[in-house]
Protein backbone atom coordinates (compact mmCIF):
# COMPACT_ATOMS: atom_id res chain seq x y z
CA UNK A 1 18.88 -20.53 -5.16
CA UNK A 2 20.93 -17.74 -3.52
CA UNK A 3 23.12 -15.38 -5.50
CA UNK A 4 26.86 -16.02 -5.56
CA UNK A 5 29.17 -15.12 -2.70
CA UNK A 6 30.63 -11.67 -3.36
CA UNK A 7 34.30 -10.85 -3.56
CA UNK A 8 35.72 -8.65 -0.79
CA UNK A 9 33.98 -5.28 -0.97
CA UNK A 10 33.25 -2.02 0.89
CA UNK A 11 29.70 -0.83 1.62
CA UNK A 12 29.25 2.62 0.02
CA UNK A 13 25.57 3.43 -0.49
CA UNK A 14 22.16 2.19 0.67
CA UNK A 15 18.79 2.91 -0.86
CA UNK A 16 15.86 1.67 1.20
CA UNK A 17 12.32 1.68 -0.11
CA UNK A 18 9.43 0.57 2.06
CA UNK A 19 5.83 0.55 0.93
CA UNK A 20 2.84 -0.36 3.09
CA UNK A 21 -0.81 -0.84 2.14
CA UNK A 22 -3.72 0.01 4.45
CA UNK A 23 -7.48 -0.53 4.27
CA UNK A 24 -9.20 2.63 5.47
CA UNK A 25 -12.43 2.71 7.45
CA UNK A 26 -14.11 4.73 4.69
CA UNK A 27 -13.56 1.91 2.16
CA UNK A 28 -10.59 3.48 0.39
CA UNK A 29 -6.99 2.30 0.55
CA UNK A 30 -3.83 4.19 1.56
CA UNK A 31 -0.52 3.14 0.10
CA UNK A 32 2.41 4.77 1.88
CA UNK A 33 5.97 4.75 0.59
CA UNK A 34 9.27 5.88 2.03
CA UNK A 35 12.60 6.11 0.23
CA UNK A 36 15.89 6.79 2.00
CA UNK A 37 19.40 7.08 0.55
CA UNK A 38 22.48 7.09 2.81
CA UNK A 39 26.23 6.90 2.28
CA UNK A 40 28.83 5.30 4.52
CA UNK A 41 31.08 8.34 4.33
CA UNK A 42 30.78 12.10 4.94
CA UNK A 43 30.80 14.27 1.83
CA UNK A 44 30.43 17.93 0.84
CA UNK A 45 27.17 19.33 -0.43
CA UNK A 46 26.62 22.91 -1.61
CA UNK A 47 23.19 23.38 0.00
CA UNK A 48 23.65 21.33 3.16
CA UNK A 49 27.37 21.78 3.85
CA UNK A 50 28.73 18.39 4.89
CA UNK A 51 26.36 15.42 4.83
CA UNK A 52 27.63 13.06 7.54
CA UNK A 53 27.93 9.33 7.06
CA UNK A 54 24.55 7.71 7.72
CA UNK A 55 22.50 10.93 7.44
CA UNK A 56 19.96 10.69 4.63
CA UNK A 57 20.83 12.32 1.35
CA UNK A 58 17.24 11.65 0.33
CA UNK A 59 14.36 10.89 2.64
CA UNK A 60 11.05 11.14 0.84
CA UNK A 61 7.57 9.97 1.71
CA UNK A 62 4.46 9.59 -0.38
CA UNK A 63 0.88 8.48 0.08
CA UNK A 64 -1.66 7.65 -2.55
CA UNK A 65 -5.29 7.00 -1.66
CA UNK A 66 -7.07 4.71 -4.12
CA UNK A 67 -10.39 2.92 -4.45
CA UNK A 68 -11.09 -0.75 -5.20
CA UNK A 69 -10.53 -0.10 -8.91
CA UNK A 70 -7.10 1.46 -8.22
CA UNK A 71 -8.28 4.95 -9.15
CA UNK A 72 -6.33 7.64 -7.29
CA UNK A 73 -8.48 9.81 -5.03
CA UNK A 74 -5.59 11.73 -3.46
CA UNK A 75 -1.81 11.83 -3.61
CA UNK A 76 0.71 13.68 -1.51
CA UNK A 77 4.47 13.68 -1.14
CA UNK A 78 7.04 15.25 1.16
CA UNK A 79 10.78 15.63 0.84
CA UNK A 80 12.30 15.59 4.31
CA UNK A 81 15.94 15.36 3.21
CA UNK A 82 17.35 16.17 -0.24
CA UNK A 83 20.65 17.40 -1.61
CA UNK A 84 19.15 20.75 -2.66
CA UNK A 85 16.86 23.13 -0.78
CA UNK A 86 14.51 23.43 -3.76
CA UNK A 87 13.87 19.67 -4.13
CA UNK A 88 10.77 19.68 -1.93
CA UNK A 89 9.19 22.53 -3.91
CA UNK A 90 7.89 20.04 -6.50
CA UNK A 91 5.89 17.85 -4.09
CA UNK A 92 2.52 19.64 -4.62
CA UNK A 93 2.65 18.36 -8.22
CA UNK A 94 1.72 14.89 -7.00
CA UNK A 95 -1.87 16.04 -6.34
CA UNK A 96 -2.26 15.95 -10.16
CA UNK A 97 -2.46 12.16 -9.93
CA UNK A 98 -6.07 12.37 -8.75
CA UNK A 99 -8.30 10.54 -11.20
CA UNK A 100 -5.60 8.36 -12.76
CA UNK A 101 -5.95 4.59 -12.56
CA UNK A 102 -3.11 2.23 -11.74
CA UNK A 103 -3.10 -0.25 -14.60
CA UNK A 104 -2.23 -0.24 -18.31
CA UNK A 105 -0.81 3.16 -19.25
CA UNK A 106 0.01 4.14 -15.63
CA UNK A 107 3.73 4.70 -16.29
CA UNK A 108 3.06 6.76 -19.41
CA UNK A 109 0.44 8.95 -17.70
CA UNK A 110 2.64 9.60 -14.65
CA UNK A 111 5.57 10.51 -16.89
CA UNK A 112 3.38 12.88 -18.91
CA UNK A 113 2.19 14.64 -15.74
CA UNK A 114 5.48 14.84 -13.89
CA UNK A 115 8.31 13.74 -16.12
CA UNK A 116 11.56 15.62 -16.51
CA UNK A 117 11.65 18.97 -14.72
CA UNK A 118 7.93 18.68 -13.92
CA UNK A 119 8.60 16.25 -11.09
CA UNK A 120 11.14 14.49 -8.91
CA UNK A 121 12.94 11.46 -10.36
CA UNK A 122 13.07 9.63 -7.03
CA UNK A 123 9.43 10.16 -6.07
CA UNK A 124 8.26 9.42 -9.61
CA UNK A 125 10.25 6.16 -9.73
CA UNK A 126 8.86 5.09 -6.34
CA UNK A 127 5.33 5.91 -7.53
CA UNK A 128 5.57 4.13 -10.88
CA UNK A 129 7.14 0.97 -9.48
CA UNK A 130 7.03 0.02 -5.81
CA UNK A 131 3.98 2.09 -4.77
CA UNK A 132 1.86 0.92 -7.73
CA UNK A 133 2.85 -2.71 -7.18
CA UNK A 134 2.10 -2.40 -3.45
CA UNK A 135 -1.35 -1.00 -4.27
CA UNK A 136 -2.04 -3.97 -6.51
CA UNK A 137 -0.65 -6.49 -3.99
CA UNK A 138 -2.70 -4.90 -1.19
CA UNK A 139 -6.04 -4.52 -2.92
CA UNK A 140 -6.49 -7.30 -5.46
CA UNK A 141 -5.84 -10.27 -3.10
CA UNK A 142 -7.96 -8.66 -0.35
CA UNK A 143 -10.84 -8.16 -2.78
CA UNK A 144 -10.60 -11.86 -3.73
CA UNK A 145 -10.52 -12.83 -0.05
CA UNK A 146 -13.60 -10.72 0.71
CA UNK A 147 -15.50 -12.30 -2.22
CA UNK A 148 -14.69 -15.79 -0.94
CA UNK A 149 -13.65 -18.88 -2.88
CA UNK A 150 -14.98 -19.34 -6.39
CA UNK A 151 -14.82 -22.18 -8.88
CA UNK A 152 -15.87 -19.94 -11.78
CA UNK A 153 -13.38 -19.69 -14.61
CA UNK A 154 -12.90 -16.32 -16.32
CA UNK A 155 -14.44 -15.84 -19.75
CA UNK A 156 -11.77 -13.31 -20.78
CA UNK A 157 -8.06 -13.99 -20.73
CA UNK A 158 -6.63 -12.68 -17.42
CA UNK A 159 -4.40 -9.65 -18.02
CA UNK A 160 -1.64 -11.16 -15.89
CA UNK A 161 -0.98 -13.92 -18.44
CA UNK A 162 2.28 -13.21 -20.27
CA UNK A 163 3.56 -10.65 -17.76
CA UNK A 164 6.38 -12.79 -16.34
CA UNK A 165 8.05 -16.21 -16.47
CA UNK A 166 5.57 -17.81 -14.05
CA UNK A 167 2.59 -16.59 -16.06
CA UNK A 168 3.91 -17.67 -19.47
CA UNK A 169 0.94 -18.59 -21.71
CA UNK A 170 2.55 -21.99 -22.35
CA UNK A 171 3.67 -22.56 -18.75
CA UNK A 172 2.45 -24.84 -15.97
CA UNK A 173 0.81 -22.08 -13.88
CA UNK A 174 -1.45 -20.94 -16.71
CA UNK A 175 -2.18 -24.56 -17.69
CA UNK A 176 -3.29 -25.33 -14.12
CA UNK A 177 -5.13 -22.08 -13.25
CA UNK A 178 -6.62 -21.10 -16.61
CA UNK A 179 -6.54 -24.16 -18.87
CA UNK A 180 -8.83 -22.48 -21.41
CA UNK A 181 -6.10 -19.86 -22.03
CA UNK A 182 -3.15 -22.27 -22.03
CA UNK A 183 -1.13 -22.21 -25.26
CA UNK A 184 0.71 -25.36 -26.29
CA UNK A 185 4.48 -24.80 -26.39
CA UNK A 186 5.96 -24.62 -29.89
């Protein structure tokens, strides 16, 4: 169902995030992300003078290279547009992600490495959310596809159960896909 029709309004700000997953020829995976913020009006900025309507306030790119187990082999970031000249100085910090695994504890580990003044809010948010999800959505289904169809049922409860409405332990998806882990509704 679509969202409701809005009242009359003026477009002020746009944030665009695009993430793309790639299978590399060496067997690793690249996950690229781009974030761009623009305004529909020109405004003053101390480091950049006036920022014209439509020119990016932020334009940041990031790439993480991961293996089949979602372990980071390399990470790099670049700040092409930012409100302050010093914003891009923090991008080398993202190399510290090497060795971390996207999965339980990912958000906490990223925040420990580059939270607060030790990182960039915008790049960190893109990394924790959209880039990590894109890595998962790129790699996990492709690994299943490469293995081929299976009728085997898991012996351990899949970690995805209970993570959202569709995967509710007492819901129809779990009952159909993993009946051995289905929980009768109360």
